[in-house]
Amino acid sequence: MPCAAGIEARSPPWPGPLLAGAIIYVPGLLWLGSVIGFDKPVLQYGFIPFIPGDIIKALLAALVFPVAGKWLYARSGR
């Protein structure tokens, strides 16, 4: 989909969501480790159980956002 200035976006789509996930997970894992202790499996308790839901959300976003963007662009009459 073209950008507002009519220039195609050339950056890959994955760094933003990856950074957003890290912003959420890193403090949460640090907090969890400080509460239960870092000698416990912090990743197994606070990261791995959420991976399937995050994958489903990412797939839904990959399907919905392009369609919604095209719909909104067509609706704007440009």
PDB file of N, CA and C in Angstrom:
ATOM      1  N   MET A   1       0.847  -1.171   0.000  1.00  0.00           N
ATOM      2  CA  MET A   1       0.000   0.000   0.000  1.00  0.00           C
ATOM      3  C   MET A   1       0.893   1.235   0.000  1.00  0.00           C
ATOM      4  N   PRO A   2       0.603   2.209  -0.806  1.00  0.00           N
ATOM      5  CA  PRO A   2       1.435   3.408  -0.864  1.00  0.00           C
ATOM      6  C   PRO A   2       1.332   4.232   0.411  1.00  0.00           C
ATOM      7  N   CYS A   3       2.400   4.922   0.690  1.00  0.00           N
ATOM      8  CA  CYS A   3       2.406   5.850   1.821  1.00  0.00           C
ATOM      9  C   CYS A   3       1.639   7.107   1.440  1.00  0.00           C
ATOM     10  N   ALA A   4       1.477   8.010   2.384  1.00  0.00           N
ATOM     11  CA  ALA A   4       0.707   9.228   2.142  1.00  0.00           C
ATOM     12  C   ALA A   4       1.313  10.062   1.020  1.00  0.00           C
ATOM     13  N   ALA A   5       2.641  10.049   0.897  1.00  0.00           N
ATOM     14  CA  ALA A   5       3.296  10.850  -0.129  1.00  0.00           C
ATOM     15  C   ALA A   5       3.371  10.111  -1.463  1.00  0.00           C
ATOM     16  N   GLY A   6       2.792   8.921  -1.529  1.00  0.00           N
ATOM     17  CA  GLY A   6       2.825   8.157  -2.767  1.00  0.00           C
ATOM     18  C   GLY A   6       4.101   7.357  -2.940  1.00  0.00           C
ATOM     19  N   ILE A   7       4.882   7.237  -1.891  1.00  0.00           N
ATOM     20  CA  ILE A   7       6.134   6.479  -1.945  1.00  0.00           C
ATOM     21  C   ILE A   7       5.892   5.130  -1.276  1.00  0.00           C
ATOM     22  N   GLU A   8       6.317   4.079  -1.922  1.00  0.00           N
ATOM     23  CA  GLU A   8       6.152   2.753  -1.339  1.00  0.00           C
ATOM     24  C   GLU A   8       7.038   2.601  -0.111  1.00  0.00           C
ATOM     25  N   ALA A   9       6.496   2.002   0.931  1.00  0.00           N
ATOM     26  CA  ALA A   9       7.283   1.735   2.139  1.00  0.00           C
ATOM     27  C   ALA A   9       8.261   0.609   1.837  1.00  0.00           C
ATOM     28  N   ARG A  10       9.530   0.808   2.191  1.00  0.00           N
ATOM     29  CA  ARG A  10      10.541  -0.193   1.896  1.00  0.00           C
ATOM     30  C   ARG A  10      11.112  -0.847   3.149  1.00  0.00           C
ATOM     31  N   SER A  11      10.686  -0.405   4.307  1.00  0.00           N
ATOM     32  CA  SER A  11      11.199  -1.020   5.523  1.00  0.00           C
ATOM     33  C   SER A  11      10.436  -2.308   5.806  1.00  0.00           C
ATOM     34  N   PRO A  12      11.116  -3.294   6.379  1.00  0.00           N
ATOM     35  CA  PRO A  12      10.415  -4.547   6.673  1.00  0.00           C
ATOM     36  C   PRO A  12       9.373  -4.334   7.772  1.00  0.00           C
ATOM     37  N   PRO A  13       8.309  -5.113   7.757  1.00  0.00           N
ATOM     38  CA  PRO A  13       7.221  -4.877   8.702  1.00  0.00           C
ATOM     39  C   PRO A  13       7.454  -5.448  10.102  1.00  0.00           C
ATOM     40  N   TRP A  14       8.466  -6.250  10.318  1.00  0.00           N
ATOM     41  CA  TRP A  14       8.603  -6.957  11.589  1.00  0.00           C
ATOM     42  C   TRP A  14       9.319  -6.210  12.710  1.00  0.00           C
ATOM     43  N   PRO A  15      10.191  -5.219  12.497  1.00  0.00           N
ATOM     44  CA  PRO A  15      10.891  -4.619  13.649  1.00  0.00           C
ATOM     45  C   PRO A  15       9.971  -3.909  14.645  1.00  0.00           C
ATOM     46  N   GLY A  16       8.935  -3.257  14.181  1.00  0.00           N
ATOM     47  CA  GLY A  16       8.029  -2.549  15.082  1.00  0.00           C
ATOM     48  C   GLY A  16       7.318  -3.483  16.053  1.00  0.00           C
ATOM     49  N   PRO A  17       6.644  -4.518  15.552  1.00  0.00           N
ATOM     50  CA  PRO A  17       5.989  -5.444  16.477  1.00  0.00           C
ATOM     51  C   PRO A  17       6.982  -6.180  17.383  1.00  0.00           C
ATOM     52  N   LEU A  18       8.153  -6.472  16.870  1.00  0.00           N
ATOM     53  CA  LEU A  18       9.159  -7.141  17.698  1.00  0.00           C
ATOM     54  C   LEU A  18       9.590  -6.230  18.845  1.00  0.00           C
ATOM     55  N   LEU A  19       9.820  -4.967  18.549  1.00  0.00           N
ATOM     56  CA  LEU A  19      10.194  -4.010  19.582  1.00  0.00           C
ATOM     57  C   LEU A  19       9.045  -3.807  20.573  1.00  0.00           C
ATOM     58  N   ALA A  20       7.832  -3.724  20.084  1.00  0.00           N
ATOM     59  CA  ALA A  20       6.674  -3.566  20.969  1.00  0.00           C
ATOM     60  C   ALA A  20       6.539  -4.760  21.908  1.00  0.00           C
ATOM     61  N   GLY A  21       6.747  -5.955  21.388  1.00  0.00           N
ATOM     62  CA  GLY A  21       6.701  -7.143  22.238  1.00  0.00           C
ATOM     63  C   GLY A  21       7.784  -7.135  23.295  1.00  0.00           C
ATOM     64  N   ALA A  22       8.980  -6.696  22.906  1.00  0.00           N
ATOM     65  CA  ALA A  22      10.080  -6.633  23.867  1.00  0.00           C
ATOM     66  C   ALA A  22       9.790  -5.605  24.953  1.00  0.00           C
ATOM     67  N   ILE A  23       9.175  -4.488  24.581  1.00  0.00           N
ATOM     68  CA  ILE A  23       8.842  -3.456  25.560  1.00  0.00           C
ATOM     69  C   ILE A  23       7.856  -4.002  26.591  1.00  0.00           C
ATOM     70  N   ILE A  24       6.988  -4.883  26.182  1.00  0.00           N
ATOM     71  CA  ILE A  24       6.027  -5.486  27.104  1.00  0.00           C
ATOM     72  C   ILE A  24       6.661  -6.619  27.905  1.00  0.00           C
ATOM     73  N   TYR A  25       7.352  -7.520  27.234  1.00  0.00           N
ATOM     74  CA  TYR A  25       7.839  -8.734  27.886  1.00  0.00           C
ATOM     75  C   TYR A  25       9.034  -8.509  28.806  1.00  0.00           C
ATOM     76  N   VAL A  26       9.994  -7.694  28.433  1.00  0.00           N
ATOM     77  CA  VAL A  26      11.215  -7.547  29.232  1.00  0.00           C
ATOM     78  C   VAL A  26      10.911  -7.034  30.639  1.00  0.00           C
ATOM     79  N   PRO A  27      10.190  -5.918  30.796  1.00  0.00           N
ATOM     80  CA  PRO A  27       9.879  -5.502  32.176  1.00  0.00           C
ATOM     81  C   PRO A  27       9.036  -6.523  32.935  1.00  0.00           C
ATOM     82  N   GLY A  28       8.123  -7.165  32.243  1.00  0.00           N
ATOM     83  CA  GLY A  28       7.289  -8.168  32.900  1.00  0.00           C
ATOM     84  C   GLY A  28       8.103  -9.355  33.392  1.00  0.00           C
ATOM     85  N   LEU A  29       9.037  -9.807  32.580  1.00  0.00           N
ATOM     86  CA  LEU A  29       9.885 -10.925  32.997  1.00  0.00           C
ATOM     87  C   LEU A  29      10.818 -10.524  34.127  1.00  0.00           C
ATOM     88  N   LEU A  30      11.334  -9.302  34.078  1.00  0.00           N
ATOM     89  CA  LEU A  30      12.181  -8.818  35.173  1.00  0.00           C
ATOM     90  C   LEU A  30      11.380  -8.731  36.475  1.00  0.00           C
ATOM     91  N   TRP A  31      10.159  -8.228  36.382  1.00  0.00           N
ATOM     92  CA  TRP A  31       9.312  -8.150  37.574  1.00  0.00           C
ATOM     93  C   TRP A  31       8.998  -9.542  38.098  1.00  0.00           C
ATOM     94  N   LEU A  32       8.606 -10.458  37.205  1.00  0.00           N
ATOM     95  CA  LEU A  32       8.283 -11.823  37.621  1.00  0.00           C
ATOM     96  C   LEU A  32       9.482 -12.484  38.281  1.00  0.00           C
ATOM     97  N   GLY A  33      10.653 -12.297  37.693  1.00  0.00           N
ATOM     98  CA  GLY A  33      11.857 -12.874  38.281  1.00  0.00           C
ATOM     99  C   GLY A  33      12.165 -12.303  39.643  1.00  0.00           C
ATOM    100  N   SER A  34      11.885 -11.017  39.829  1.00  0.00           N
ATOM    101  CA  SER A  34      12.146 -10.425  41.137  1.00  0.00           C
ATOM    102  C   SER A  34      11.144 -10.907  42.183  1.00  0.00           C
ATOM    103  N   VAL A  35       9.939 -11.276  41.751  1.00  0.00           N
ATOM    104  CA  VAL A  35       8.923 -11.748  42.695  1.00  0.00           C
ATOM    105  C   VAL A  35       9.137 -13.219  43.049  1.00  0.00           C
ATOM    106  N   ILE A  36       9.316 -14.072  42.048  1.00  0.00           N
ATOM    107  CA  ILE A  36       9.425 -15.512  42.321  1.00  0.00           C
ATOM    108  C   ILE A  36      10.866 -15.977  42.437  1.00  0.00           C
ATOM    109  N   GLY A  37      11.812 -15.127  42.027  1.00  0.00           N
ATOM    110  CA  GLY A  37      13.217 -15.490  42.075  1.00  0.00           C
ATOM    111  C   GLY A  37      13.716 -15.927  40.707  1.00  0.00           C
ATOM    112  N   PHE A  38      14.899 -15.481  40.379  1.00  0.00           N
ATOM    113  CA  PHE A  38      15.460 -15.820  39.070  1.00  0.00           C
ATOM    114  C   PHE A  38      15.986 -17.253  39.010  1.00  0.00           C
ATOM    115  N   ASP A  39      15.968 -17.946  40.148  1.00  0.00           N
ATOM    116  CA  ASP A  39      16.354 -19.350  40.126  1.00  0.00           C
ATOM    117  C   ASP A  39      15.222 -20.240  39.611  1.00  0.00           C
ATOM    118  N   LYS A  40      14.030 -19.671  39.482  1.00  0.00           N
ATOM    119  CA  LYS A  40      12.873 -20.387  38.929  1.00  0.00           C
ATOM    120  C   LYS A  40      12.846 -20.202  37.403  1.00  0.00           C
ATOM    121  N   PRO A  41      12.109 -21.046  36.691  1.00  0.00           N
ATOM    122  CA  PRO A  41      12.023 -20.914  35.222  1.00  0.00           C
ATOM    123  C   PRO A  41      11.122 -19.745  34.807  1.00  0.00           C
ATOM    124  N   VAL A  42      11.671 -18.554  34.865  1.00  0.00           N
ATOM    125  CA  VAL A  42      10.897 -17.340  34.594  1.00  0.00           C
ATOM    126  C   VAL A  42      10.336 -17.346  33.175  1.00  0.00           C
ATOM    127  N   LEU A  43      11.117 -17.772  32.196  1.00  0.00           N
ATOM    128  CA  LEU A  43      10.623 -17.798  30.810  1.00  0.00           C
ATOM    129  C   LEU A  43       9.466 -18.775  30.646  1.00  0.00           C
ATOM    130  N   GLN A  44       9.531 -19.892  31.333  1.00  0.00           N
ATOM    131  CA  GLN A  44       8.449 -20.870  31.229  1.00  0.00           C
ATOM    132  C   GLN A  44       7.168 -20.369  31.872  1.00  0.00           C
ATOM    133  N   TYR A  45       7.277 -19.514  32.871  1.00  0.00           N
ATOM    134  CA  TYR A  45       6.091 -18.995  33.543  1.00  0.00           C
ATOM    135  C   TYR A  45       5.547 -17.720  32.897  1.00  0.00           C
ATOM    136  N   GLY A  46       6.428 -16.856  32.424  1.00  0.00           N
ATOM    137  CA  GLY A  46       5.982 -15.541  32.004  1.00  0.00           C
ATOM    138  C   GLY A  46       6.149 -15.214  30.533  1.00  0.00           C
ATOM    139  N   PHE A  47       6.647 -16.159  29.736  1.00  0.00           N
ATOM    140  CA  PHE A  47       6.864 -15.868  28.317  1.00  0.00           C
ATOM    141  C   PHE A  47       6.265 -16.953  27.429  1.00  0.00           C
ATOM    142  N   ILE A  48       6.665 -18.160  27.629  1.00  0.00           N
ATOM    143  CA  ILE A  48       6.271 -19.258  26.736  1.00  0.00           C
ATOM    144  C   ILE A  48       4.757 -19.478  26.686  1.00  0.00           C
ATOM    145  N   PRO A  49       4.026 -19.381  27.807  1.00  0.00           N
ATOM    146  CA  PRO A  49       2.566 -19.596  27.706  1.00  0.00           C
ATOM    147  C   PRO A  49       1.840 -18.572  26.836  1.00  0.00           C
ATOM    148  N   PHE A  50       2.454 -17.428  26.608  1.00  0.00           N
ATOM    149  CA  PHE A  50       1.792 -16.372  25.859  1.00  0.00           C
ATOM    150  C   PHE A  50       2.139 -16.378  24.371  1.00  0.00           C
ATOM    151  N   ILE A  51       3.079 -17.205  23.967  1.00  0.00           N
ATOM    152  CA  ILE A  51       3.500 -17.252  22.564  1.00  0.00           C
ATOM    153  C   ILE A  51       2.357 -17.651  21.622  1.00  0.00           C
ATOM    154  N   PRO A  52       1.576 -18.700  21.899  1.00  0.00           N
ATOM    155  CA  PRO A  52       0.485 -19.043  20.961  1.00  0.00           C
ATOM    156  C   PRO A  52      -0.504 -17.891  20.754  1.00  0.00           C
ATOM    157  N   GLY A  53      -0.886 -17.213  21.821  1.00  0.00           N
ATOM    158  CA  GLY A  53      -1.810 -16.086  21.677  1.00  0.00           C
ATOM    159  C   GLY A  53      -1.210 -14.950  20.877  1.00  0.00           C
ATOM    160  N   ASP A  54       0.086 -14.689  21.084  1.00  0.00           N
ATOM    161  CA  ASP A  54       0.749 -13.632  20.318  1.00  0.00           C
ATOM    162  C   ASP A  54       0.848 -13.987  18.839  1.00  0.00           C
ATOM    163  N   ILE A  55       1.062 -15.244  18.541  1.00  0.00           N
ATOM    164  CA  ILE A  55       1.117 -15.680  17.140  1.00  0.00           C
ATOM    165  C   ILE A  55      -0.261 -15.514  16.489  1.00  0.00           C
ATOM    166  N   ILE A  56      -1.300 -15.892  17.213  1.00  0.00           N
ATOM    167  CA  ILE A  56      -2.655 -15.741  16.675  1.00  0.00           C
ATOM    168  C   ILE A  56      -2.974 -14.272  16.435  1.00  0.00           C
ATOM    169  N   LYS A  57      -2.621 -13.405  17.392  1.00  0.00           N
ATOM    170  CA  LYS A  57      -2.856 -11.965  17.215  1.00  0.00           C
ATOM    171  C   LYS A  57      -2.089 -11.421  16.018  1.00  0.00           C
ATOM    172  N   ALA A  58      -0.852 -11.871  15.841  1.00  0.00           N
ATOM    173  CA  ALA A  58      -0.046 -11.392  14.722  1.00  0.00           C
ATOM    174  C   ALA A  58      -0.647 -11.840  13.389  1.00  0.00           C
ATOM    175  N   LEU A  59      -1.115 -13.069  13.319  1.00  0.00           N
ATOM    176  CA  LEU A  59      -1.737 -13.562  12.087  1.00  0.00           C
ATOM    177  C   LEU A  59      -3.029 -12.803  11.780  1.00  0.00           C
ATOM    178  N   LEU A  60      -3.833 -12.565  12.801  1.00  0.00           N
ATOM    179  CA  LEU A  60      -5.061 -11.800  12.586  1.00  0.00           C
ATOM    180  C   LEU A  60      -4.757 -10.381  12.124  1.00  0.00           C
ATOM    181  N   ALA A  61      -3.758  -9.759  12.730  1.00  0.00           N
ATOM    182  CA  ALA A  61      -3.382  -8.403  12.322  1.00  0.00           C
ATOM    183  C   ALA A  61      -2.872  -8.395  10.887  1.00  0.00           C
ATOM    184  N   ALA A  62      -2.108  -9.422  10.518  1.00  0.00           N
ATOM    185  CA  ALA A  62      -1.583  -9.499   9.157  1.00  0.00           C
ATOM    186  C   ALA A  62      -2.705  -9.667   8.140  1.00  0.00           C
ATOM    187  N   LEU A  63      -3.798 -10.266   8.550  1.00  0.00           N
ATOM    188  CA  LEU A  63      -4.936 -10.431   7.643  1.00  0.00           C
ATOM    189  C   LEU A  63      -5.858  -9.218   7.646  1.00  0.00           C
ATOM    190  N   VAL A  64      -6.108  -8.652   8.800  1.00  0.00           N
ATOM    191  CA  VAL A  64      -7.113  -7.605   8.933  1.00  0.00           C
ATOM    192  C   VAL A  64      -6.598  -6.236   8.489  1.00  0.00           C
ATOM    193  N   PHE A  65      -5.397  -5.856   8.910  1.00  0.00           N
ATOM    194  CA  PHE A  65      -4.929  -4.499   8.636  1.00  0.00           C
ATOM    195  C   PHE A  65      -4.784  -4.181   7.152  1.00  0.00           C
ATOM    196  N   PRO A  66      -4.233  -5.056   6.326  1.00  0.00           N
ATOM    197  CA  PRO A  66      -4.177  -4.705   4.898  1.00  0.00           C
ATOM    198  C   PRO A  66      -5.570  -4.559   4.278  1.00  0.00           C
ATOM    199  N   VAL A  67      -6.479  -5.426   4.639  1.00  0.00           N
ATOM    200  CA  VAL A  67      -7.842  -5.347   4.098  1.00  0.00           C
ATOM    201  C   VAL A  67      -8.519  -4.063   4.576  1.00  0.00           C
ATOM    202  N   ALA A  68      -8.375  -3.759   5.863  1.00  0.00           N
ATOM    203  CA  ALA A  68      -8.980  -2.540   6.399  1.00  0.00           C
ATOM    204  C   ALA A  68      -8.350  -1.302   5.771  1.00  0.00           C
ATOM    205  N   GLY A  69      -7.047  -1.330   5.543  1.00  0.00           N
ATOM    206  CA  GLY A  69      -6.379  -0.197   4.907  1.00  0.00           C
ATOM    207  C   GLY A  69      -6.872   0.035   3.488  1.00  0.00           C
ATOM    208  N   LYS A  70      -7.028  -1.033   2.736  1.00  0.00           N
ATOM    209  CA  LYS A  70      -7.542  -0.910   1.371  1.00  0.00           C
ATOM    210  C   LYS A  70      -8.983  -0.416   1.373  1.00  0.00           C
ATOM    211  N   TRP A  71      -9.774  -0.907   2.316  1.00  0.00           N
ATOM    212  CA  TRP A  71     -11.166  -0.478   2.427  1.00  0.00           C
ATOM    213  C   TRP A  71     -11.242   1.020   2.761  1.00  0.00           C
ATOM    214  N   LEU A  72     -10.457   1.448   3.718  1.00  0.00           N
ATOM    215  CA  LEU A  72     -10.468   2.860   4.093  1.00  0.00           C
ATOM    216  C   LEU A  72      -9.949   3.745   2.957  1.00  0.00           C
ATOM    217  N   TYR A  73      -8.923   3.271   2.259  1.00  0.00           N
ATOM    218  CA  TYR A  73      -8.381   4.032   1.131  1.00  0.00           C
ATOM    219  C   TYR A  73      -9.428   4.167   0.031  1.00  0.00           C
ATOM    220  N   ALA A  74     -10.156   3.072  -0.271  1.00  0.00           N
ATOM    221  CA  ALA A  74     -11.188   3.111  -1.300  1.00  0.00           C
ATOM    222  C   ALA A  74     -12.360   3.989  -0.853  1.00  0.00           C
ATOM    223  N   ARG A  75     -12.659   3.955   0.426  1.00  0.00           N
ATOM    224  CA  ARG A  75     -13.769   4.745   0.952  1.00  0.00           C
ATOM    225  C   ARG A  75     -13.471   6.233   0.950  1.00  0.00           C
ATOM    226  N   SER A  76     -12.197   6.593   1.015  1.00  0.00           N
ATOM    227  CA  SER A  76     -11.832   8.014   1.051  1.00  0.00           C
ATOM    228  C   SER A  76     -12.029   8.687  -0.305  1.00  0.00           C
ATOM    229  N   GLY A  77     -12.163   7.902  -1.361  1.00  0.00           N
ATOM    230  CA  GLY A  77     -12.425   8.455  -2.685  1.00  0.00           C
ATOM    231  C   GLY A  77     -11.199   8.948  -3.405  1.00  0.00           C
ATOM    232  N   ARG A  78     -10.038   8.518  -3.020  1.00  0.00           N
ATOM    233  CA  ARG A  78      -8.792   8.951  -3.681  1.00  0.00           C
ATOM    234  C   ARG A  78      -8.496   8.115  -4.883  1.00  0.00           C
TER     235      ARG A  78
END
